PDB file of N, CA and C in Angstrom:
ATOM      1  N   UNK A   1      25.393  -9.814  -3.361  1.00  0.00           N
ATOM      2  CA  UNK A   1      26.654  -9.384  -3.939  1.00  0.00           C
ATOM      3  C   UNK A   1      27.752  -9.290  -2.797  1.00  0.00           C
ATOM      4  N   UNK A   2      27.277  -8.990  -1.645  1.00  0.00           N
ATOM      5  CA  UNK A   2      28.269  -8.877  -0.519  1.00  0.00           C
ATOM      6  C   UNK A   2      28.846 -10.241  -0.216  1.00  0.00           C
ATOM      7  N   UNK A   3      28.059 -11.200  -0.209  1.00  0.00           N
ATOM      8  CA  UNK A   3      28.510 -12.576   0.075  1.00  0.00           C
ATOM      9  C   UNK A   3      29.615 -12.903  -0.967  1.00  0.00           C
ATOM     10  N   UNK A   4      29.452 -12.610  -2.201  1.00  0.00           N
ATOM     11  CA  UNK A   4      30.446 -12.888  -3.245  1.00  0.00           C
ATOM     12  C   UNK A   4      31.829 -12.278  -2.870  1.00  0.00           C
ATOM     13  N   UNK A   5      31.765 -11.019  -2.381  1.00  0.00           N
ATOM     14  CA  UNK A   5      32.966 -10.425  -1.969  1.00  0.00           C
ATOM     15  C   UNK A   5      33.423 -10.767  -0.483  1.00  0.00           C
ATOM     16  N   UNK A   6      32.768 -11.711   0.099  1.00  0.00           N
ATOM     17  CA  UNK A   6      33.094 -12.176   1.361  1.00  0.00           C
ATOM     18  C   UNK A   6      32.895 -11.044   2.480  1.00  0.00           C
ATOM     19  N   UNK A   7      31.750 -10.341   2.281  1.00  0.00           N
ATOM     20  CA  UNK A   7      31.348  -9.306   3.221  1.00  0.00           C
ATOM     21  C   UNK A   7      29.943  -9.443   3.506  1.00  0.00           C
ATOM     22  N   UNK A   8      29.440 -10.602   4.105  1.00  0.00           N
ATOM     23  CA  UNK A   8      28.106 -10.832   4.361  1.00  0.00           C
ATOM     24  C   UNK A   8      27.394  -9.882   5.372  1.00  0.00           C
ATOM     25  N   UNK A   9      28.218  -9.347   6.269  1.00  0.00           N
ATOM     26  CA  UNK A   9      27.633  -8.527   7.348  1.00  0.00           C
ATOM     27  C   UNK A   9      27.978  -7.055   7.135  1.00  0.00           C
ATOM     28  N   UNK A  10      28.243  -6.679   5.944  1.00  0.00           N
ATOM     29  CA  UNK A  10      28.611  -5.258   5.695  1.00  0.00           C
ATOM     30  C   UNK A  10      27.345  -4.372   5.810  1.00  0.00           C
ATOM     31  N   UNK A  11      27.510  -3.133   6.181  1.00  0.00           N
ATOM     32  CA  UNK A  11      26.367  -2.189   6.241  1.00  0.00           C
ATOM     33  C   UNK A  11      25.881  -1.959   4.815  1.00  0.00           C
ATOM     34  N   UNK A  12      24.576  -1.582   4.684  1.00  0.00           N
ATOM     35  CA  UNK A  12      23.962  -1.248   3.455  1.00  0.00           C
ATOM     36  C   UNK A  12      24.492   0.168   3.019  1.00  0.00           C
ATOM     37  N   UNK A  13      24.834   0.304   1.809  1.00  0.00           N
ATOM     38  CA  UNK A  13      25.386   1.560   1.216  1.00  0.00           C
ATOM     39  C   UNK A  13      24.306   2.602   1.077  1.00  0.00           C
ATOM     40  N   UNK A  14      23.090   2.199   0.695  1.00  0.00           N
ATOM     41  CA  UNK A  14      21.991   3.098   0.546  1.00  0.00           C
ATOM     42  C   UNK A  14      21.951   3.770  -0.797  1.00  0.00           C
ATOM     43  N   UNK A  15      22.960   3.465  -1.683  1.00  0.00           N
ATOM     44  CA  UNK A  15      23.024   4.187  -2.979  1.00  0.00           C
ATOM     45  C   UNK A  15      23.045   3.314  -4.146  1.00  0.00           C
ATOM     46  N   UNK A  16      23.402   2.036  -3.917  1.00  0.00           N
ATOM     47  CA  UNK A  16      23.406   1.091  -5.121  1.00  0.00           C
ATOM     48  C   UNK A  16      22.046   0.682  -5.556  1.00  0.00           C
ATOM     49  N   UNK A  17      21.899   0.038  -6.619  1.00  0.00           N
ATOM     50  CA  UNK A  17      20.604  -0.412  -7.189  1.00  0.00           C
ATOM     51  C   UNK A  17      19.856  -1.337  -6.217  1.00  0.00           C
ATOM     52  N   UNK A  18      20.643  -2.234  -5.621  1.00  0.00           N
ATOM     53  CA  UNK A  18      20.035  -3.164  -4.660  1.00  0.00           C
ATOM     54  C   UNK A  18      19.404  -2.429  -3.434  1.00  0.00           C
ATOM     55  N   UNK A  19      20.209  -1.539  -2.923  1.00  0.00           N
ATOM     56  CA  UNK A  19      19.679  -0.753  -1.696  1.00  0.00           C
ATOM     57  C   UNK A  19      18.539   0.116  -2.063  1.00  0.00           C
ATOM     58  N   UNK A  20      18.633   0.805  -3.226  1.00  0.00           N
ATOM     59  CA  UNK A  20      17.591   1.603  -3.676  1.00  0.00           C
ATOM     60  C   UNK A  20      16.271   0.757  -4.025  1.00  0.00           C
ATOM     61  N   UNK A  21      16.401  -0.320  -4.566  1.00  0.00           N
ATOM     62  CA  UNK A  21      15.219  -1.203  -4.825  1.00  0.00           C
ATOM     63  C   UNK A  21      14.645  -1.607  -3.494  1.00  0.00           C
ATOM     64  N   UNK A  22      15.422  -1.962  -2.505  1.00  0.00           N
ATOM     65  CA  UNK A  22      14.896  -2.343  -1.227  1.00  0.00           C
ATOM     66  C   UNK A  22      14.116  -1.232  -0.546  1.00  0.00           C
ATOM     67  N   UNK A  23      14.699  -0.006  -0.664  1.00  0.00           N
ATOM     68  CA  UNK A  23      14.044   1.182  -0.080  1.00  0.00           C
ATOM     69  C   UNK A  23      12.642   1.356  -0.847  1.00  0.00           C
ATOM     70  N   UNK A  24      12.581   1.321  -2.067  1.00  0.00           N
ATOM     71  CA  UNK A  24      11.462   1.421  -2.929  1.00  0.00           C
ATOM     72  C   UNK A  24      10.348   0.451  -2.445  1.00  0.00           C
ATOM     73  N   UNK A  25      10.799  -0.786  -2.304  1.00  0.00           N
ATOM     74  CA  UNK A  25       9.836  -1.842  -1.920  1.00  0.00           C
ATOM     75  C   UNK A  25       9.308  -1.580  -0.516  1.00  0.00           C
ATOM     76  N   UNK A  26      10.133  -1.157   0.395  1.00  0.00           N
ATOM     77  CA  UNK A  26       9.691  -0.865   1.777  1.00  0.00           C
ATOM     78  C   UNK A  26       8.781   0.310   1.768  1.00  0.00           C
ATOM     79  N   UNK A  27       9.080   1.379   0.974  1.00  0.00           N
ATOM     80  CA  UNK A  27       8.192   2.596   0.856  1.00  0.00           C
ATOM     81  C   UNK A  27       6.843   2.198   0.334  1.00  0.00           C
ATOM     82  N   UNK A  28       6.763   1.212  -0.624  1.00  0.00           N
ATOM     83  CA  UNK A  28       5.512   0.777  -1.272  1.00  0.00           C
ATOM     84  C   UNK A  28       4.744   0.044  -0.195  1.00  0.00           C
ATOM     85  N   UNK A  29       5.361  -0.833   0.559  1.00  0.00           N
ATOM     86  CA  UNK A  29       4.683  -1.527   1.614  1.00  0.00           C
ATOM     87  C   UNK A  29       4.087  -0.617   2.657  1.00  0.00           C
ATOM     88  N   UNK A  30       4.901   0.436   3.041  1.00  0.00           N
ATOM     89  CA  UNK A  30       4.443   1.391   3.981  1.00  0.00           C
ATOM     90  C   UNK A  30       3.219   2.236   3.520  1.00  0.00           C
ATOM     91  N   UNK A  31       3.307   2.600   2.265  1.00  0.00           N
ATOM     92  CA  UNK A  31       2.212   3.349   1.690  1.00  0.00           C
ATOM     93  C   UNK A  31       0.903   2.452   1.601  1.00  0.00           C
ATOM     94  N   UNK A  32       1.119   1.277   1.184  1.00  0.00           N
ATOM     95  CA  UNK A  32      -0.068   0.306   1.117  1.00  0.00           C
ATOM     96  C   UNK A  32      -0.675   0.158   2.505  1.00  0.00           C
ATOM     97  N   UNK A  33       0.119  -0.012   3.485  1.00  0.00           N
ATOM     98  CA  UNK A  33      -0.369  -0.179   4.861  1.00  0.00           C
ATOM     99  C   UNK A  33      -1.124   1.157   5.378  1.00  0.00           C
ATOM    100  N   UNK A  34      -0.613   2.314   5.020  1.00  0.00           N
ATOM    101  CA  UNK A  34      -1.244   3.540   5.384  1.00  0.00           C
ATOM    102  C   UNK A  34      -2.560   3.687   4.619  1.00  0.00           C
ATOM    103  N   UNK A  35      -2.591   3.352   3.377  1.00  0.00           N
ATOM    104  CA  UNK A  35      -3.808   3.454   2.521  1.00  0.00           C
ATOM    105  C   UNK A  35      -4.845   2.468   3.119  1.00  0.00           C
ATOM    106  N   UNK A  36      -4.429   1.321   3.458  1.00  0.00           N
ATOM    107  CA  UNK A  36      -5.410   0.323   4.043  1.00  0.00           C
ATOM    108  C   UNK A  36      -5.934   0.799   5.308  1.00  0.00           C
ATOM    109  N   UNK A  37      -5.100   1.476   6.196  1.00  0.00           N
ATOM    110  CA  UNK A  37      -5.652   2.058   7.356  1.00  0.00           C
ATOM    111  C   UNK A  37      -6.646   3.170   7.166  1.00  0.00           C
ATOM    112  N   UNK A  38      -6.293   3.996   6.208  1.00  0.00           N
ATOM    113  CA  UNK A  38      -7.228   5.101   5.907  1.00  0.00           C
ATOM    114  C   UNK A  38      -8.509   4.594   5.447  1.00  0.00           C
ATOM    115  N   UNK A  39      -8.447   3.592   4.488  1.00  0.00           N
ATOM    116  CA  UNK A  39      -9.741   2.999   3.970  1.00  0.00           C
ATOM    117  C   UNK A  39     -10.534   2.302   5.083  1.00  0.00           C
ATOM    118  N   UNK A  40      -9.990   1.586   5.986  1.00  0.00           N
ATOM    119  CA  UNK A  40     -10.691   0.964   7.012  1.00  0.00           C
ATOM    120  C   UNK A  40     -11.264   1.981   7.939  1.00  0.00           C
ATOM    121  N   UNK A  41     -10.612   3.081   8.239  1.00  0.00           N
ATOM    122  CA  UNK A  41     -11.168   4.141   9.028  1.00  0.00           C
ATOM    123  C   UNK A  41     -12.368   4.873   8.392  1.00  0.00           C
ATOM    124  N   UNK A  42     -12.219   5.145   7.125  1.00  0.00           N
ATOM    125  CA  UNK A  42     -13.296   5.804   6.451  1.00  0.00           C
ATOM    126  C   UNK A  42     -14.590   4.911   6.340  1.00  0.00           C
ATOM    127  N   UNK A  43     -14.343   3.694   6.003  1.00  0.00           N
ATOM    128  CA  UNK A  43     -15.462   2.739   5.781  1.00  0.00           C
ATOM    129  C   UNK A  43     -16.037   2.247   7.077  1.00  0.00           C
ATOM    130  N   UNK A  44     -15.324   2.491   8.244  1.00  0.00           N
ATOM    131  CA  UNK A  44     -15.971   2.159   9.528  1.00  0.00           C
ATOM    132  C   UNK A  44     -16.961   3.246   9.905  1.00  0.00           C
ATOM    133  N   UNK A  45     -16.884   4.400   9.270  1.00  0.00           N
ATOM    134  CA  UNK A  45     -17.822   5.499   9.587  1.00  0.00           C
ATOM    135  C   UNK A  45     -19.084   5.384   8.746  1.00  0.00           C
ATOM    136  N   UNK A  46     -18.857   5.071   7.423  1.00  0.00           N
ATOM    137  CA  UNK A  46     -19.967   4.986   6.519  1.00  0.00           C
ATOM    138  C   UNK A  46     -19.572   4.323   5.193  1.00  0.00           C
ATOM    139  N   UNK A  47     -20.479   3.641   4.477  1.00  0.00           N
ATOM    140  CA  UNK A  47     -20.140   3.082   3.150  1.00  0.00           C
ATOM    141  C   UNK A  47     -19.925   4.256   2.217  1.00  0.00           C
ATOM    142  N   UNK A  48     -18.987   4.051   1.206  1.00  0.00           N
ATOM    143  CA  UNK A  48     -18.658   5.131   0.359  1.00  0.00           C
ATOM    144  C   UNK A  48     -18.694   4.595  -1.139  1.00  0.00           C
ATOM    145  N   UNK A  49     -19.066   5.420  -2.020  1.00  0.00           N
ATOM    146  CA  UNK A  49     -18.858   5.116  -3.447  1.00  0.00           C
ATOM    147  C   UNK A  49     -17.385   5.156  -3.892  1.00  0.00           C
ATOM    148  N   UNK A  50     -17.011   4.584  -4.938  1.00  0.00           N
ATOM    149  CA  UNK A  50     -15.555   4.446  -5.250  1.00  0.00           C
ATOM    150  C   UNK A  50     -14.873   5.846  -5.362  1.00  0.00           C
ATOM    151  N   UNK A  51     -15.485   6.742  -6.091  1.00  0.00           N
ATOM    152  CA  UNK A  51     -14.894   8.073  -6.279  1.00  0.00           C
ATOM    153  C   UNK A  51     -14.731   8.773  -4.972  1.00  0.00           C
ATOM    154  N   UNK A  52     -15.770   8.704  -4.081  1.00  0.00           N
ATOM    155  CA  UNK A  52     -15.717   9.359  -2.838  1.00  0.00           C
ATOM    156  C   UNK A  52     -14.532   8.666  -1.939  1.00  0.00           C
ATOM    157  N   UNK A  53     -14.489   7.390  -1.970  1.00  0.00           N
ATOM    158  CA  UNK A  53     -13.436   6.703  -1.205  1.00  0.00           C
ATOM    159  C   UNK A  53     -12.039   7.011  -1.727  1.00  0.00           C
ATOM    160  N   UNK A  54     -11.833   6.978  -3.000  1.00  0.00           N
ATOM    161  CA  UNK A  54     -10.500   7.288  -3.597  1.00  0.00           C
ATOM    162  C   UNK A  54     -10.032   8.662  -3.237  1.00  0.00           C
ATOM    163  N   UNK A  55     -11.027   9.576  -3.314  1.00  0.00           N
ATOM    164  CA  UNK A  55     -10.683  11.036  -3.001  1.00  0.00           C
ATOM    165  C   UNK A  55     -10.541  11.348  -1.517  1.00  0.00           C
ATOM    166  N   UNK A  56     -11.228  10.480  -0.716  1.00  0.00           N
ATOM    167  CA  UNK A  56     -11.149  10.797   0.738  1.00  0.00           C
ATOM    168  C   UNK A  56      -9.772  10.268   1.336  1.00  0.00           C
ATOM    169  N   UNK A  57      -9.202   9.306   0.733  1.00  0.00           N
ATOM    170  CA  UNK A  57      -7.848   8.798   1.184  1.00  0.00           C
ATOM    171  C   UNK A  57      -6.829   9.859   0.705  1.00  0.00           C
ATOM    172  N   UNK A  58      -6.027  10.265   1.637  1.00  0.00           N
ATOM    173  CA  UNK A  58      -5.047  11.262   1.330  1.00  0.00           C
ATOM    174  C   UNK A  58      -3.645  10.702   1.095  1.00  0.00           C
ATOM    175  N   UNK A  59      -3.406   9.443   1.430  1.00  0.00           N
ATOM    176  CA  UNK A  59      -2.078   8.804   1.290  1.00  0.00           C
ATOM    177  C   UNK A  59      -1.965   8.273  -0.206  1.00  0.00           C
ATOM    178  N   UNK A  60      -0.768   8.351  -0.699  1.00  0.00           N
ATOM    179  CA  UNK A  60      -0.526   7.784  -2.097  1.00  0.00           C
ATOM    180  C   UNK A  60      -1.195   8.526  -3.139  1.00  0.00           C
ATOM    181  N   UNK A  61      -0.990   7.994  -4.337  1.00  0.00           N
ATOM    182  CA  UNK A  61      -1.708   8.534  -5.493  1.00  0.00           C
ATOM    183  C   UNK A  61      -2.863   7.660  -5.878  1.00  0.00           C
ATOM    184  N   UNK A  62      -3.656   8.090  -6.846  1.00  0.00           N
ATOM    185  CA  UNK A  62      -4.913   7.461  -7.177  1.00  0.00           C
ATOM    186  C   UNK A  62      -4.663   6.048  -7.634  1.00  0.00           C
ATOM    187  N   UNK A  63      -3.626   5.725  -8.368  1.00  0.00           N
ATOM    188  CA  UNK A  63      -3.317   4.418  -8.821  1.00  0.00           C
ATOM    189  C   UNK A  63      -3.085   3.511  -7.616  1.00  0.00           C
ATOM    190  N   UNK A  64      -2.274   3.987  -6.680  1.00  0.00           N
ATOM    191  CA  UNK A  64      -1.963   3.184  -5.465  1.00  0.00           C
ATOM    192  C   UNK A  64      -3.194   2.945  -4.618  1.00  0.00           C
ATOM    193  N   UNK A  65      -4.069   3.901  -4.562  1.00  0.00           N
ATOM    194  CA  UNK A  65      -5.348   3.767  -3.751  1.00  0.00           C
ATOM    195  C   UNK A  65      -6.226   2.677  -4.398  1.00  0.00           C
ATOM    196  N   UNK A  66      -6.392   2.753  -5.747  1.00  0.00           N
ATOM    197  CA  UNK A  66      -7.282   1.738  -6.504  1.00  0.00           C
ATOM    198  C   UNK A  66      -6.662   0.394  -6.312  1.00  0.00           C
ATOM    199  N   UNK A  67      -5.345   0.255  -6.375  1.00  0.00           N
ATOM    200  CA  UNK A  67      -4.699  -1.074  -6.236  1.00  0.00           C
ATOM    201  C   UNK A  67      -5.006  -1.644  -4.862  1.00  0.00           C
ATOM    202  N   UNK A  68      -4.874  -0.846  -3.836  1.00  0.00           N
ATOM    203  CA  UNK A  68      -5.108  -1.380  -2.447  1.00  0.00           C
ATOM    204  C   UNK A  68      -6.624  -1.672  -2.360  1.00  0.00           C
ATOM    205  N   UNK A  69      -7.568  -0.886  -2.885  1.00  0.00           N
ATOM    206  CA  UNK A  69      -8.915  -1.293  -2.806  1.00  0.00           C
ATOM    207  C   UNK A  69      -9.218  -2.598  -3.559  1.00  0.00           C
ATOM    208  N   UNK A  70      -8.531  -2.842  -4.604  1.00  0.00           N
ATOM    209  CA  UNK A  70      -8.672  -4.151  -5.335  1.00  0.00           C
ATOM    210  C   UNK A  70      -8.137  -5.268  -4.488  1.00  0.00           C
ATOM    211  N   UNK A  71      -6.989  -5.118  -3.821  1.00  0.00           N
ATOM    212  CA  UNK A  71      -6.428  -6.099  -2.902  1.00  0.00           C
ATOM    213  C   UNK A  71      -7.305  -6.338  -1.786  1.00  0.00           C
ATOM    214  N   UNK A  72      -7.823  -5.316  -1.228  1.00  0.00           N
ATOM    215  CA  UNK A  72      -8.837  -5.553  -0.110  1.00  0.00           C
ATOM    216  C   UNK A  72     -10.058  -6.242  -0.509  1.00  0.00           C
ATOM    217  N   UNK A  73     -10.598  -5.971  -1.651  1.00  0.00           N
ATOM    218  CA  UNK A  73     -11.793  -6.652  -2.149  1.00  0.00           C
ATOM    219  C   UNK A  73     -11.451  -8.167  -2.380  1.00  0.00           C
ATOM    220  N   UNK A  74     -10.311  -8.400  -3.032  1.00  0.00           N
ATOM    221  CA  UNK A  74      -9.887  -9.704  -3.317  1.00  0.00           C
ATOM    222  C   UNK A  74      -9.717 -10.563  -1.999  1.00  0.00           C
ATOM    223  N   UNK A  75      -9.221  -9.886  -0.949  1.00  0.00           N
ATOM    224  CA  UNK A  75      -8.949 -10.599   0.272  1.00  0.00           C
ATOM    225  C   UNK A  75     -10.238 -10.675   1.132  1.00  0.00           C
ATOM    226  N   UNK A  76     -11.347 -10.006   0.707  1.00  0.00           N
ATOM    227  CA  UNK A  76     -12.605 -10.023   1.420  1.00  0.00           C
ATOM    228  C   UNK A  76     -12.605  -9.112   2.686  1.00  0.00           C
ATOM    229  N   UNK A  77     -11.667  -8.195   2.678  1.00  0.00           N
ATOM    230  CA  UNK A  77     -11.589  -7.349   3.915  1.00  0.00           C
ATOM    231  C   UNK A  77     -12.538  -6.144   3.758  1.00  0.00           C
ATOM    232  N   UNK A  78     -12.908  -5.781   2.509  1.00  0.00           N
ATOM    233  CA  UNK A  78     -13.953  -4.845   2.260  1.00  0.00           C
ATOM    234  C   UNK A  78     -14.901  -5.441   1.210  1.00  0.00           C
ATOM    235  N   UNK A  79     -16.104  -4.965   1.180  1.00  0.00           N
ATOM    236  CA  UNK A  79     -17.173  -5.473   0.243  1.00  0.00           C
ATOM    237  C   UNK A  79     -17.748  -4.408  -0.581  1.00  0.00           C
ATOM    238  N   UNK A  80     -18.383  -4.770  -1.696  1.00  0.00           N
ATOM    239  CA  UNK A  80     -19.071  -3.951  -2.608  1.00  0.00           C
ATOM    240  C   UNK A  80     -20.427  -4.450  -2.875  1.00  0.00           C
ATOM    241  N   UNK A  81     -21.496  -3.591  -2.690  1.00  0.00           N
ATOM    242  CA  UNK A  81     -22.811  -4.045  -2.814  1.00  0.00           C
ATOM    243  C   UNK A  81     -23.402  -3.606  -4.254  1.00  0.00           C
ATOM    244  N   UNK A  82     -22.525  -3.183  -5.109  1.00  0.00           N
ATOM    245  CA  UNK A  82     -23.009  -2.719  -6.472  1.00  0.00           C
ATOM    246  C   UNK A  82     -23.101  -1.260  -6.497  1.00  0.00           C
ATOM    247  N   UNK A  83     -23.048  -0.599  -5.322  1.00  0.00           N
ATOM    248  CA  UNK A  83     -23.201   0.796  -5.340  1.00  0.00           C
ATOM    249  C   UNK A  83     -22.149   1.486  -4.412  1.00  0.00           C
ATOM    250  N   UNK A  84     -21.897   0.876  -3.237  1.00  0.00           N
ATOM    251  CA  UNK A  84     -20.894   1.418  -2.291  1.00  0.00           C
ATOM    252  C   UNK A  84     -20.050   0.398  -1.689  1.00  0.00           C
ATOM    253  N   UNK A  85     -18.891   0.836  -1.241  1.00  0.00           N
ATOM    254  CA  UNK A  85     -17.933  -0.124  -0.543  1.00  0.00           C
ATOM    255  C   UNK A  85     -18.166   0.036   0.912  1.00  0.00           C
ATOM    256  N   UNK A  86     -18.069  -1.079   1.642  1.00  0.00           N
ATOM    257  CA  UNK A  86     -18.251  -1.112   3.144  1.00  0.00           C
ATOM    258  C   UNK A  86     -17.457  -2.172   3.683  1.00  0.00           C
ATOM    259  N   UNK A  87     -17.300  -2.071   5.061  1.00  0.00           N
ATOM    260  CA  UNK A  87     -16.580  -3.196   5.736  1.00  0.00           C
ATOM    261  C   UNK A  87     -17.454  -4.410   6.078  1.00  0.00           C
TER     262      UNK A  87
END
């Protein structure tokens, strides 16, 4: 939008929909990175069942934690042996 008004280098306002959406996306990335770090730390100590893993992570909400676990499984960064999750 700023380019349209010939202001490509203007500072971000922080209150418009575009700025707020950018903040939300950045916060979501930060939360996912923090959850990933927590999961890696927990699983480096010992394999955990899903409920134990989800409740041991203190960052984010349950939905965010489960989403990160799914992403890590899909990426092959964590594994599941039918009983517990491990690195």
